[in-house]
Amino acid sequence: MSQTRFQIELEQEEDGRWIAEVTDLPGVMAYGKTRDQALGAAQALALRVLADRLEHGEAVPEQLLNVSFVAA
């Protein structure tokens, strides 16, 4: 079983909000009032995108069975 690791880039906006982006999954970015909220929202969205890809045959299931996230 292979492991897929996704890096999440975090940045605080001028208004205090946090934005988290999963750079390997286009369009997967989320805001939060705190760093942890943004991180959690981005992880949840990334998992939804991966599930959608699996359901539509756009990804090989064996490559996505072990997924982890690393905050940068």
PDB file of N, CA and C in Angstrom:
ATOM      1  N   MET A   1       0.858  -1.175   0.000  1.00  0.00           N
ATOM      2  CA  MET A   1       0.000   0.000   0.000  1.00  0.00           C
ATOM      3  C   MET A   1       0.899   1.232   0.000  1.00  0.00           C
ATOM      4  N   SER A   2       0.638   2.118  -0.911  1.00  0.00           N
ATOM      5  CA  SER A   2       1.418   3.347  -0.956  1.00  0.00           C
ATOM      6  C   SER A   2       0.734   4.439  -0.135  1.00  0.00           C
ATOM      7  N   GLN A   3       1.520   5.399   0.256  1.00  0.00           N
ATOM      8  CA  GLN A   3       0.981   6.509   1.037  1.00  0.00           C
ATOM      9  C   GLN A   3       1.043   7.774   0.202  1.00  0.00           C
ATOM     10  N   THR A   4      -0.027   8.538   0.230  1.00  0.00           N
ATOM     11  CA  THR A   4      -0.066   9.827  -0.445  1.00  0.00           C
ATOM     12  C   THR A   4      -0.067  10.905   0.621  1.00  0.00           C
ATOM     13  N   ARG A   5       0.899  11.809   0.540  1.00  0.00           N
ATOM     14  CA  ARG A   5       1.012  12.888   1.530  1.00  0.00           C
ATOM     15  C   ARG A   5       0.755  14.219   0.825  1.00  0.00           C
ATOM     16  N   PHE A   6      -0.116  15.004   1.407  1.00  0.00           N
ATOM     17  CA  PHE A   6      -0.450  16.314   0.855  1.00  0.00           C
ATOM     18  C   PHE A   6       0.048  17.407   1.784  1.00  0.00           C
ATOM     19  N   GLN A   7       0.717  18.378   1.206  1.00  0.00           N
ATOM     20  CA  GLN A   7       1.196  19.524   1.984  1.00  0.00           C
ATOM     21  C   GLN A   7       0.121  20.607   1.965  1.00  0.00           C
ATOM     22  N   ILE A   8      -0.099  21.206   3.118  1.00  0.00           N
ATOM     23  CA  ILE A   8      -1.065  22.294   3.238  1.00  0.00           C
ATOM     24  C   ILE A   8      -0.301  23.566   3.577  1.00  0.00           C
ATOM     25  N   GLU A   9      -0.437  24.561   2.709  1.00  0.00           N
ATOM     26  CA  GLU A   9       0.192  25.856   2.961  1.00  0.00           C
ATOM     27  C   GLU A   9      -0.786  26.738   3.726  1.00  0.00           C
ATOM     28  N   LEU A  10      -0.300  27.349   4.778  1.00  0.00           N
ATOM     29  CA  LEU A  10      -1.134  28.210   5.626  1.00  0.00           C
ATOM     30  C   LEU A  10      -0.607  29.636   5.602  1.00  0.00           C
ATOM     31  N   GLU A  11      -1.536  30.570   5.576  1.00  0.00           N
ATOM     32  CA  GLU A  11      -1.149  31.980   5.565  1.00  0.00           C
ATOM     33  C   GLU A  11      -2.236  32.786   6.279  1.00  0.00           C
ATOM     34  N   GLN A  12      -1.811  33.775   7.041  1.00  0.00           N
ATOM     35  CA  GLN A  12      -2.781  34.635   7.710  1.00  0.00           C
ATOM     36  C   GLN A  12      -2.992  35.888   6.872  1.00  0.00           C
ATOM     37  N   GLU A  13      -4.246  36.191   6.593  1.00  0.00           N
ATOM     38  CA  GLU A  13      -4.615  37.364   5.807  1.00  0.00           C
ATOM     39  C   GLU A  13      -4.510  38.628   6.669  1.00  0.00           C
ATOM     40  N   GLU A  14      -4.520  39.769   6.024  1.00  0.00           N
ATOM     41  CA  GLU A  14      -4.423  41.046   6.739  1.00  0.00           C
ATOM     42  C   GLU A  14      -5.579  41.262   7.706  1.00  0.00           C
ATOM     43  N   ASP A  15      -6.755  40.706   7.374  1.00  0.00           N
ATOM     44  CA  ASP A  15      -7.919  40.883   8.244  1.00  0.00           C
ATOM     45  C   ASP A  15      -7.950  39.874   9.400  1.00  0.00           C
ATOM     46  N   GLY A  16      -6.912  39.042   9.512  1.00  0.00           N
ATOM     47  CA  GLY A  16      -6.815  38.102  10.614  1.00  0.00           C
ATOM     48  C   GLY A  16      -7.254  36.686  10.288  1.00  0.00           C
ATOM     49  N   ARG A  17      -7.998  36.520   9.195  1.00  0.00           N
ATOM     50  CA  ARG A  17      -8.434  35.171   8.809  1.00  0.00           C
ATOM     51  C   ARG A  17      -7.232  34.353   8.354  1.00  0.00           C
ATOM     52  N   TRP A  18      -7.384  33.054   8.434  1.00  0.00           N
ATOM     53  CA  TRP A  18      -6.362  32.135   7.946  1.00  0.00           C
ATOM     54  C   TRP A  18      -6.863  31.473   6.674  1.00  0.00           C
ATOM     55  N   ILE A  19      -5.961  31.225   5.738  1.00  0.00           N
ATOM     56  CA  ILE A  19      -6.284  30.473   4.535  1.00  0.00           C
ATOM     57  C   ILE A  19      -5.345  29.280   4.464  1.00  0.00           C
ATOM     58  N   ALA A  20      -5.919  28.133   4.145  1.00  0.00           N
ATOM     59  CA  ALA A  20      -5.150  26.900   4.002  1.00  0.00           C
ATOM     60  C   ALA A  20      -5.391  26.358   2.602  1.00  0.00           C
ATOM     61  N   GLU A  21      -4.304  25.964   1.928  1.00  0.00           N
ATOM     62  CA  GLU A  21      -4.410  25.467   0.558  1.00  0.00           C
ATOM     63  C   GLU A  21      -3.651  24.155   0.422  1.00  0.00           C
ATOM     64  N   VAL A  22      -4.317  23.161  -0.159  1.00  0.00           N
ATOM     65  CA  VAL A  22      -3.673  21.891  -0.483  1.00  0.00           C
ATOM     66  C   VAL A  22      -3.144  22.049  -1.904  1.00  0.00           C
ATOM     67  N   THR A  23      -1.861  22.285  -2.031  1.00  0.00           N
ATOM     68  CA  THR A  23      -1.272  22.682  -3.312  1.00  0.00           C
ATOM     69  C   THR A  23      -1.356  21.607  -4.389  1.00  0.00           C
ATOM     70  N   ASP A  24      -1.400  20.331  -4.007  1.00  0.00           N
ATOM     71  CA  ASP A  24      -1.460  19.259  -5.005  1.00  0.00           C
ATOM     72  C   ASP A  24      -2.874  18.959  -5.497  1.00  0.00           C
ATOM     73  N   LEU A  25      -3.860  19.618  -4.921  1.00  0.00           N
ATOM     74  CA  LEU A  25      -5.247  19.435  -5.341  1.00  0.00           C
ATOM     75  C   LEU A  25      -5.812  20.794  -5.754  1.00  0.00           C
ATOM     76  N   PRO A  26      -5.793  21.088  -7.042  1.00  0.00           N
ATOM     77  CA  PRO A  26      -6.253  22.408  -7.516  1.00  0.00           C
ATOM     78  C   PRO A  26      -7.637  22.772  -6.978  1.00  0.00           C
ATOM     79  N   GLY A  27      -7.751  23.989  -6.483  1.00  0.00           N
ATOM     80  CA  GLY A  27      -9.020  24.493  -5.989  1.00  0.00           C
ATOM     81  C   GLY A  27      -9.321  24.155  -4.547  1.00  0.00           C
ATOM     82  N   VAL A  28      -8.454  23.382  -3.904  1.00  0.00           N
ATOM     83  CA  VAL A  28      -8.712  23.009  -2.515  1.00  0.00           C
ATOM     84  C   VAL A  28      -8.062  24.043  -1.601  1.00  0.00           C
ATOM     85  N   MET A  29      -8.880  24.993  -1.185  1.00  0.00           N
ATOM     86  CA  MET A  29      -8.443  26.006  -0.226  1.00  0.00           C
ATOM     87  C   MET A  29      -9.628  26.387   0.631  1.00  0.00           C
ATOM     88  N   ALA A  30      -9.324  26.745   1.868  1.00  0.00           N
ATOM     89  CA  ALA A  30     -10.396  27.059   2.803  1.00  0.00           C
ATOM     90  C   ALA A  30      -9.934  28.126   3.787  1.00  0.00           C
ATOM     91  N   TYR A  31     -10.890  28.933   4.227  1.00  0.00           N
ATOM     92  CA  TYR A  31     -10.623  29.963   5.221  1.00  0.00           C
ATOM     93  C   TYR A  31     -11.094  29.509   6.595  1.00  0.00           C
ATOM     94  N   GLY A  32     -10.524  30.109   7.626  1.00  0.00           N
ATOM     95  CA  GLY A  32     -10.966  29.875   8.983  1.00  0.00           C
ATOM     96  C   GLY A  32     -10.619  31.059   9.854  1.00  0.00           C
ATOM     97  N   LYS A  33     -11.354  31.218  10.956  1.00  0.00           N
ATOM     98  CA  LYS A  33     -11.052  32.301  11.899  1.00  0.00           C
ATOM     99  C   LYS A  33      -9.726  32.048  12.596  1.00  0.00           C
ATOM    100  N   THR A  34      -9.396  30.757  12.746  1.00  0.00           N
ATOM    101  CA  THR A  34      -8.129  30.378  13.372  1.00  0.00           C
ATOM    102  C   THR A  34      -7.354  29.479  12.413  1.00  0.00           C
ATOM    103  N   ARG A  35      -6.085  29.291  12.734  1.00  0.00           N
ATOM    104  CA  ARG A  35      -5.234  28.414  11.921  1.00  0.00           C
ATOM    105  C   ARG A  35      -5.810  27.000  11.909  1.00  0.00           C
ATOM    106  N   ASP A  36      -6.233  26.516  13.066  1.00  0.00           N
ATOM    107  CA  ASP A  36      -6.768  25.165  13.164  1.00  0.00           C
ATOM    108  C   ASP A  36      -8.073  24.995  12.390  1.00  0.00           C
ATOM    109  N   GLN A  37      -8.917  26.013  12.398  1.00  0.00           N
ATOM    110  CA  GLN A  37     -10.172  25.937  11.640  1.00  0.00           C
ATOM    111  C   GLN A  37      -9.888  25.858  10.144  1.00  0.00           C
ATOM    112  N   ALA A  38      -8.963  26.667   9.668  1.00  0.00           N
ATOM    113  CA  ALA A  38      -8.611  26.649   8.243  1.00  0.00           C
ATOM    114  C   ALA A  38      -7.992  25.313   7.860  1.00  0.00           C
ATOM    115  N   LEU A  39      -7.125  24.805   8.713  1.00  0.00           N
ATOM    116  CA  LEU A  39      -6.472  23.529   8.459  1.00  0.00           C
ATOM    117  C   LEU A  39      -7.498  22.395   8.390  1.00  0.00           C
ATOM    118  N   GLY A  40      -8.399  22.355   9.339  1.00  0.00           N
ATOM    119  CA  GLY A  40      -9.436  21.322   9.350  1.00  0.00           C
ATOM    120  C   GLY A  40     -10.363  21.404   8.154  1.00  0.00           C
ATOM    121  N   ALA A  41     -10.735  22.620   7.782  1.00  0.00           N
ATOM    122  CA  ALA A  41     -11.630  22.800   6.638  1.00  0.00           C
ATOM    123  C   ALA A  41     -10.943  22.368   5.342  1.00  0.00           C
ATOM    124  N   ALA A  42      -9.659  22.667   5.194  1.00  0.00           N
ATOM    125  CA  ALA A  42      -8.921  22.273   3.995  1.00  0.00           C
ATOM    126  C   ALA A  42      -8.775  20.751   3.922  1.00  0.00           C
ATOM    127  N   GLN A  43      -8.515  20.115   5.061  1.00  0.00           N
ATOM    128  CA  GLN A  43      -8.406  18.656   5.078  1.00  0.00           C
ATOM    129  C   GLN A  43      -9.738  18.013   4.704  1.00  0.00           C
ATOM    130  N   ALA A  44     -10.828  18.515   5.255  1.00  0.00           N
ATOM    131  CA  ALA A  44     -12.148  17.968   4.951  1.00  0.00           C
ATOM    132  C   ALA A  44     -12.471  18.127   3.472  1.00  0.00           C
ATOM    133  N   LEU A  45     -12.167  19.289   2.907  1.00  0.00           N
ATOM    134  CA  LEU A  45     -12.428  19.520   1.489  1.00  0.00           C
ATOM    135  C   LEU A  45     -11.561  18.607   0.630  1.00  0.00           C
ATOM    136  N   ALA A  46     -10.302  18.432   1.002  1.00  0.00           N
ATOM    137  CA  ALA A  46      -9.408  17.551   0.244  1.00  0.00           C
ATOM    138  C   ALA A  46      -9.952  16.119   0.236  1.00  0.00           C
ATOM    139  N   LEU A  47     -10.447  15.652   1.370  1.00  0.00           N
ATOM    140  CA  LEU A  47     -11.005  14.303   1.429  1.00  0.00           C
ATOM    141  C   LEU A  47     -12.251  14.174   0.553  1.00  0.00           C
ATOM    142  N   ARG A  48     -13.057  15.227   0.502  1.00  0.00           N
ATOM    143  CA  ARG A  48     -14.242  15.202  -0.379  1.00  0.00           C
ATOM    144  C   ARG A  48     -13.818  15.125  -1.848  1.00  0.00           C
ATOM    145  N   VAL A  49     -12.789  15.877  -2.214  1.00  0.00           N
ATOM    146  CA  VAL A  49     -12.289  15.866  -3.595  1.00  0.00           C
ATOM    147  C   VAL A  49     -11.745  14.482  -3.938  1.00  0.00           C
ATOM    148  N   LEU A  50     -10.972  13.888  -3.023  1.00  0.00           N
ATOM    149  CA  LEU A  50     -10.428  12.555  -3.272  1.00  0.00           C
ATOM    150  C   LEU A  50     -11.541  11.518  -3.400  1.00  0.00           C
ATOM    151  N   ALA A  51     -12.558  11.608  -2.556  1.00  0.00           N
ATOM    152  CA  ALA A  51     -13.691  10.682  -2.631  1.00  0.00           C
ATOM    153  C   ALA A  51     -14.412  10.828  -3.964  1.00  0.00           C
ATOM    154  N   ASP A  52     -14.591  12.047  -4.421  1.00  0.00           N
ATOM    155  CA  ASP A  52     -15.241  12.292  -5.704  1.00  0.00           C
ATOM    156  C   ASP A  52     -14.431  11.690  -6.850  1.00  0.00           C
ATOM    157  N   ARG A  53     -13.116  11.835  -6.794  1.00  0.00           N
ATOM    158  CA  ARG A  53     -12.249  11.253  -7.827  1.00  0.00           C
ATOM    159  C   ARG A  53     -12.352   9.737  -7.840  1.00  0.00           C
ATOM    160  N   LEU A  54     -12.397   9.131  -6.673  1.00  0.00           N
ATOM    161  CA  LEU A  54     -12.544   7.678  -6.597  1.00  0.00           C
ATOM    162  C   LEU A  54     -13.877   7.228  -7.183  1.00  0.00           C
ATOM    163  N   GLU A  55     -14.942   7.922  -6.824  1.00  0.00           N
ATOM    164  CA  GLU A  55     -16.277   7.562  -7.303  1.00  0.00           C
ATOM    165  C   GLU A  55     -16.400   7.668  -8.816  1.00  0.00           C
ATOM    166  N   HIS A  56     -15.663   8.593  -9.403  1.00  0.00           N
ATOM    167  CA  HIS A  56     -15.757   8.823 -10.842  1.00  0.00           C
ATOM    168  C   HIS A  56     -14.617   8.181 -11.634  1.00  0.00           C
ATOM    169  N   GLY A  57     -13.851   7.305 -10.988  1.00  0.00           N
ATOM    170  CA  GLY A  57     -12.797   6.580 -11.676  1.00  0.00           C
ATOM    171  C   GLY A  57     -11.624   7.432 -12.120  1.00  0.00           C
ATOM    172  N   GLU A  58     -11.427   8.576 -11.476  1.00  0.00           N
ATOM    173  CA  GLU A  58     -10.342   9.486 -11.855  1.00  0.00           C
ATOM    174  C   GLU A  58      -9.064   9.236 -11.068  1.00  0.00           C
ATOM    175  N   ALA A  59      -9.096   8.278 -10.151  1.00  0.00           N
ATOM    176  CA  ALA A  59      -7.919   7.981  -9.340  1.00  0.00           C
ATOM    177  C   ALA A  59      -7.842   6.479  -9.123  1.00  0.00           C
ATOM    178  N   VAL A  60      -6.628   5.998  -8.943  1.00  0.00           N
ATOM    179  CA  VAL A  60      -6.422   4.582  -8.669  1.00  0.00           C
ATOM    180  C   VAL A  60      -6.612   4.373  -7.169  1.00  0.00           C
ATOM    181  N   PRO A  61      -7.586   3.574  -6.753  1.00  0.00           N
ATOM    182  CA  PRO A  61      -7.884   3.412  -5.321  1.00  0.00           C
ATOM    183  C   PRO A  61      -6.681   3.020  -4.471  1.00  0.00           C
ATOM    184  N   GLU A  62      -5.800   2.151  -4.969  1.00  0.00           N
ATOM    185  CA  GLU A  62      -4.656   1.708  -4.179  1.00  0.00           C
ATOM    186  C   GLU A  62      -3.750   2.865  -3.788  1.00  0.00           C
ATOM    187  N   GLN A  63      -3.718   3.902  -4.602  1.00  0.00           N
ATOM    188  CA  GLN A  63      -2.836   5.043  -4.310  1.00  0.00           C
ATOM    189  C   GLN A  63      -3.439   5.977  -3.278  1.00  0.00           C
ATOM    190  N   LEU A  64      -4.695   5.855  -2.976  1.00  0.00           N
ATOM    191  CA  LEU A  64      -5.346   6.817  -2.101  1.00  0.00           C
ATOM    192  C   LEU A  64      -5.820   6.211  -0.784  1.00  0.00           C
ATOM    193  N   LEU A  65      -5.457   4.996  -0.500  1.00  0.00           N
ATOM    194  CA  LEU A  65      -5.940   4.352   0.714  1.00  0.00           C
ATOM    195  C   LEU A  65      -5.269   4.880   1.977  1.00  0.00           C
ATOM    196  N   ASN A  66      -4.078   5.407   1.876  1.00  0.00           N
ATOM    197  CA  ASN A  66      -3.355   5.901   3.039  1.00  0.00           C
ATOM    198  C   ASN A  66      -2.962   7.350   2.764  1.00  0.00           C
ATOM    199  N   VAL A  67      -3.717   8.276   3.298  1.00  0.00           N
ATOM    200  CA  VAL A  67      -3.534   9.697   3.026  1.00  0.00           C
ATOM    201  C   VAL A  67      -3.138  10.412   4.316  1.00  0.00           C
ATOM    202  N   SER A  68      -2.164  11.309   4.225  1.00  0.00           N
ATOM    203  CA  SER A  68      -1.809  12.131   5.381  1.00  0.00           C
ATOM    204  C   SER A  68      -1.609  13.565   4.930  1.00  0.00           C
ATOM    205  N   PHE A  69      -1.708  14.470   5.901  1.00  0.00           N
ATOM    206  CA  PHE A  69      -1.547  15.890   5.638  1.00  0.00           C
ATOM    207  C   PHE A  69      -0.434  16.437   6.496  1.00  0.00           C
ATOM    208  N   VAL A  70       0.327  17.383   5.933  1.00  0.00           N
ATOM    209  CA  VAL A  70       1.413  18.023   6.657  1.00  0.00           C
ATOM    210  C   VAL A  70       1.246  19.522   6.507  1.00  0.00           C
ATOM    211  N   ALA A  71       1.122  20.233   7.613  1.00  0.00           N
ATOM    212  CA  ALA A  71       1.013  21.692   7.568  1.00  0.00           C
ATOM    213  C   ALA A  71       2.394  22.284   7.357  1.00  0.00           C
ATOM    214  N   ALA A  72       2.464  23.191   6.408  1.00  0.00           N
ATOM    215  CA  ALA A  72       3.755  23.819   6.108  1.00  0.00           C
ATOM    216  C   ALA A  72       3.921  25.113   6.863  1.00  0.00           C
TER     217      ALA A  72
END
